[in-house]
Amino acid sequence: VQLQASGGGSVQAGGSLRLSCVASGDRIAVMGWYRQPPGKERELVATISRDGTQTKYADFVKGRFIISRIGYVNTVYLQMNSLQPEDSGVYYCLATTNIINWGQGTLVTVSS
């Protein structure tokens, strides 16, 4: 499975960004996003089931971020609103088969 993420960039606090990730391969189940803030460990942001009906969010993004998915093309989106400086970091897309497959990461920088 190969994943290609895009959509990162720089934005001021309160702004929005939309991340996209396309996965190539078969039998992809859960997709989602993790992030790694500077100097910290990688942490879960959000995941979505194969059919898009089940989502899971980290508490720190609830009400601000929305994960969505186009299942038949294995594309997952992360709409990020009301961004804050603490949301800065490298965002990694993931797709699960019998293992967790990771994308290359896309950088999000939020300035105050």
C-alpha atoms as a PDB file:
ATOM      1  CA  VAL A   1       0.000   0.000   0.000  1.00  0.00           C
ATOM      2  CA  GLN A   2       1.268   3.440  -0.904  1.00  0.00           C
ATOM      3  CA  LEU A   3      -0.144   6.635   0.562  1.00  0.00           C
ATOM      4  CA  GLN A   4       0.193  10.143  -0.791  1.00  0.00           C
ATOM      5  CA  ALA A   5      -0.745  12.969   1.531  1.00  0.00           C
ATOM      6  CA  SER A   6      -1.142  16.615   0.630  1.00  0.00           C
ATOM      7  CA  GLY A   7      -2.669  19.831   1.879  1.00  0.00           C
ATOM      8  CA  GLY A   8      -0.319  20.897   4.625  1.00  0.00           C
ATOM      9  CA  GLY A   9       0.930  24.445   4.891  1.00  0.00           C
ATOM     10  CA  SER A  10       1.111  27.524   7.034  1.00  0.00           C
ATOM     11  CA  VAL A  11      -1.883  29.309   8.458  1.00  0.00           C
ATOM     12  CA  GLN A  12      -2.648  31.814  11.171  1.00  0.00           C
ATOM     13  CA  ALA A  13      -4.489  30.837  14.331  1.00  0.00           C
ATOM     14  CA  GLY A  14      -8.186  30.497  13.701  1.00  0.00           C
ATOM     15  CA  GLY A  15      -7.648  29.486  10.096  1.00  0.00           C
ATOM     16  CA  SER A  16      -8.423  26.260   8.265  1.00  0.00           C
ATOM     17  CA  LEU A  17      -6.622  23.645   6.224  1.00  0.00           C
ATOM     18  CA  ARG A  18      -7.776  20.525   4.457  1.00  0.00           C
ATOM     19  CA  LEU A  19      -5.526  17.505   4.257  1.00  0.00           C
ATOM     20  CA  SER A  20      -5.989  14.778   1.670  1.00  0.00           C
ATOM     21  CA  CYS A  21      -4.539  11.305   1.428  1.00  0.00           C
ATOM     22  CA  VAL A  22      -4.903   8.806  -1.369  1.00  0.00           C
ATOM     23  CA  ALA A  23      -4.077   5.155  -0.738  1.00  0.00           C
ATOM     24  CA  SER A  24      -3.295   2.689  -3.478  1.00  0.00           C
ATOM     25  CA  GLY A  25      -3.767  -0.986  -2.792  1.00  0.00           C
ATOM     26  CA  ASP A  26      -6.326  -3.589  -1.912  1.00  0.00           C
ATOM     27  CA  ARG A  27      -8.216  -4.568   1.230  1.00  0.00           C
ATOM     28  CA  ILE A  28      -7.782  -1.212   2.901  1.00  0.00           C
ATOM     29  CA  ALA A  29      -9.885  -1.005   6.035  1.00  0.00           C
ATOM     30  CA  VAL A  30      -9.506   1.842   8.540  1.00  0.00           C
ATOM     31  CA  MET A  31      -7.873   5.061   7.378  1.00  0.00           C
ATOM     32  CA  GLY A  32      -6.937   8.053   9.434  1.00  0.00           C
ATOM     33  CA  TRP A  33      -4.489  10.654  10.611  1.00  0.00           C
ATOM     34  CA  TYR A  34      -1.881  10.911  13.309  1.00  0.00           C
ATOM     35  CA  ARG A  35       0.300  13.905  14.032  1.00  0.00           C
ATOM     36  CA  GLN A  36       3.647  14.551  15.606  1.00  0.00           C
ATOM     37  CA  PRO A  37       4.107  17.960  17.219  1.00  0.00           C
ATOM     38  CA  PRO A  38       7.673  19.263  17.468  1.00  0.00           C
ATOM     39  CA  GLY A  39       9.564  17.438  20.193  1.00  0.00           C
ATOM     40  CA  LYS A  40       6.656  15.144  20.995  1.00  0.00           C
ATOM     41  CA  GLU A  41       5.523  11.650  20.151  1.00  0.00           C
ATOM     42  CA  ARG A  42       3.131  10.768  17.388  1.00  0.00           C
ATOM     43  CA  GLU A  43      -0.515  10.966  18.502  1.00  0.00           C
ATOM     44  CA  LEU A  44      -3.872   9.952  17.113  1.00  0.00           C
ATOM     45  CA  VAL A  45      -5.945  12.670  15.457  1.00  0.00           C
ATOM     46  CA  ALA A  46      -8.828  10.821  13.832  1.00  0.00           C
ATOM     47  CA  THR A  47      -9.748   7.558  12.142  1.00  0.00           C
ATOM     48  CA  ILE A  48     -12.588   6.451   9.903  1.00  0.00           C
ATOM     49  CA  SER A  49     -13.950   3.035   9.024  1.00  0.00           C
ATOM     50  CA  ARG A  50     -13.965   1.484   5.592  1.00  0.00           C
ATOM     51  CA  ASP A  51     -17.560   2.494   4.896  1.00  0.00           C
ATOM     52  CA  GLY A  52     -17.157   5.898   6.506  1.00  0.00           C
ATOM     53  CA  THR A  53     -19.846   5.369   9.099  1.00  0.00           C
ATOM     54  CA  GLN A  54     -17.610   5.096  12.144  1.00  0.00           C
ATOM     55  CA  THR A  55     -15.230   7.831  13.172  1.00  0.00           C
ATOM     56  CA  LYS A  56     -12.978   8.371  16.131  1.00  0.00           C
ATOM     57  CA  TYR A  57     -11.430  11.658  17.228  1.00  0.00           C
ATOM     58  CA  ALA A  58      -8.864  12.703  19.764  1.00  0.00           C
ATOM     59  CA  ASP A  59     -10.421  14.892  22.433  1.00  0.00           C
ATOM     60  CA  PHE A  60      -8.276  17.860  21.454  1.00  0.00           C
ATOM     61  CA  VAL A  61      -9.784  18.038  17.943  1.00  0.00           C
ATOM     62  CA  LYS A  62     -13.425  17.267  18.640  1.00  0.00           C
ATOM     63  CA  GLY A  63     -15.679  19.938  17.227  1.00  0.00           C
ATOM     64  CA  ARG A  64     -12.869  21.438  15.135  1.00  0.00           C
ATOM     65  CA  PHE A  65     -11.691  18.686  12.778  1.00  0.00           C
ATOM     66  CA  ILE A  66     -13.779  16.510  10.506  1.00  0.00           C
ATOM     67  CA  ILE A  67     -12.561  13.302   8.905  1.00  0.00           C
ATOM     68  CA  SER A  68     -14.276  11.978   5.812  1.00  0.00           C
ATOM     69  CA  ARG A  69     -13.648   9.346   3.224  1.00  0.00           C
ATOM     70  CA  ILE A  70     -14.404   8.341  -0.340  1.00  0.00           C
ATOM     71  CA  GLY A  71     -14.251   4.620   0.111  1.00  0.00           C
ATOM     72  CA  TYR A  72     -14.197   3.382  -3.434  1.00  0.00           C
ATOM     73  CA  VAL A  73     -11.102   5.432  -4.220  1.00  0.00           C
ATOM     74  CA  ASN A  74      -9.482   5.038  -0.775  1.00  0.00           C
ATOM     75  CA  THR A  75      -9.194   8.747  -0.215  1.00  0.00           C
ATOM     76  CA  VAL A  76      -9.420  10.289   3.225  1.00  0.00           C
ATOM     77  CA  TYR A  77      -9.744  13.956   4.087  1.00  0.00           C
ATOM     78  CA  LEU A  78      -9.161  15.903   7.260  1.00  0.00           C
ATOM     79  CA  GLN A  79     -10.873  19.268   7.421  1.00  0.00           C
ATOM     80  CA  MET A  80      -9.162  21.265  10.131  1.00  0.00           C
ATOM     81  CA  ASN A  81     -10.905  24.370  11.412  1.00  0.00           C
ATOM     82  CA  SER A  82     -10.135  26.824  14.201  1.00  0.00           C
ATOM     83  CA  LEU A  83      -6.493  25.839  14.064  1.00  0.00           C
ATOM     84  CA  GLN A  84      -4.289  26.746  16.980  1.00  0.00           C
ATOM     85  CA  PRO A  85      -0.500  26.890  17.319  1.00  0.00           C
ATOM     86  CA  GLU A  86      -0.558  23.639  19.286  1.00  0.00           C
ATOM     87  CA  ASP A  87      -1.979  21.927  16.202  1.00  0.00           C
ATOM     88  CA  SER A  88       1.343  22.454  14.439  1.00  0.00           C
ATOM     89  CA  GLY A  89       3.282  19.374  13.490  1.00  0.00           C
ATOM     90  CA  VAL A  90       3.746  16.729  10.851  1.00  0.00           C
ATOM     91  CA  TYR A  91       0.491  14.997   9.970  1.00  0.00           C
ATOM     92  CA  TYR A  92       0.699  11.374   8.866  1.00  0.00           C
ATOM     93  CA  CYS A  93      -1.930   9.502   6.950  1.00  0.00           C
ATOM     94  CA  LEU A  94      -2.463   5.828   7.713  1.00  0.00           C
ATOM     95  CA  ALA A  95      -4.285   2.960   6.072  1.00  0.00           C
ATOM     96  CA  THR A  96      -4.747  -0.446   7.628  1.00  0.00           C
ATOM     97  CA  THR A  97      -4.630  -3.764   5.837  1.00  0.00           C
ATOM     98  CA  ASN A  98      -3.110  -6.601   7.828  1.00  0.00           C
ATOM     99  CA  ILE A  99      -0.630  -3.974   9.021  1.00  0.00           C
ATOM    100  CA  ILE A 100      -0.639  -0.232   9.509  1.00  0.00           C
ATOM    101  CA  ASN A 101       0.699   1.556   6.456  1.00  0.00           C
ATOM    102  CA  TRP A 102       1.989   5.114   6.817  1.00  0.00           C
ATOM    103  CA  GLY A 103       2.265   8.018   4.431  1.00  0.00           C
ATOM    104  CA  GLN A 104       5.232  10.357   4.243  1.00  0.00           C
ATOM    105  CA  GLY A 105       3.749  13.136   6.355  1.00  0.00           C
ATOM    106  CA  THR A 106       2.691  16.665   5.567  1.00  0.00           C
ATOM    107  CA  LEU A 107       3.725  19.680   7.645  1.00  0.00           C
ATOM    108  CA  VAL A 108       1.156  21.957   9.266  1.00  0.00           C
ATOM    109  CA  THR A 109       2.339  25.196  10.825  1.00  0.00           C
ATOM    110  CA  VAL A 110      -0.062  27.427  12.741  1.00  0.00           C
ATOM    111  CA  SER A 111       1.187  30.834  13.807  1.00  0.00           C
ATOM    112  CA  SER A 112      -0.299  32.950  16.557  1.00  0.00           C
END
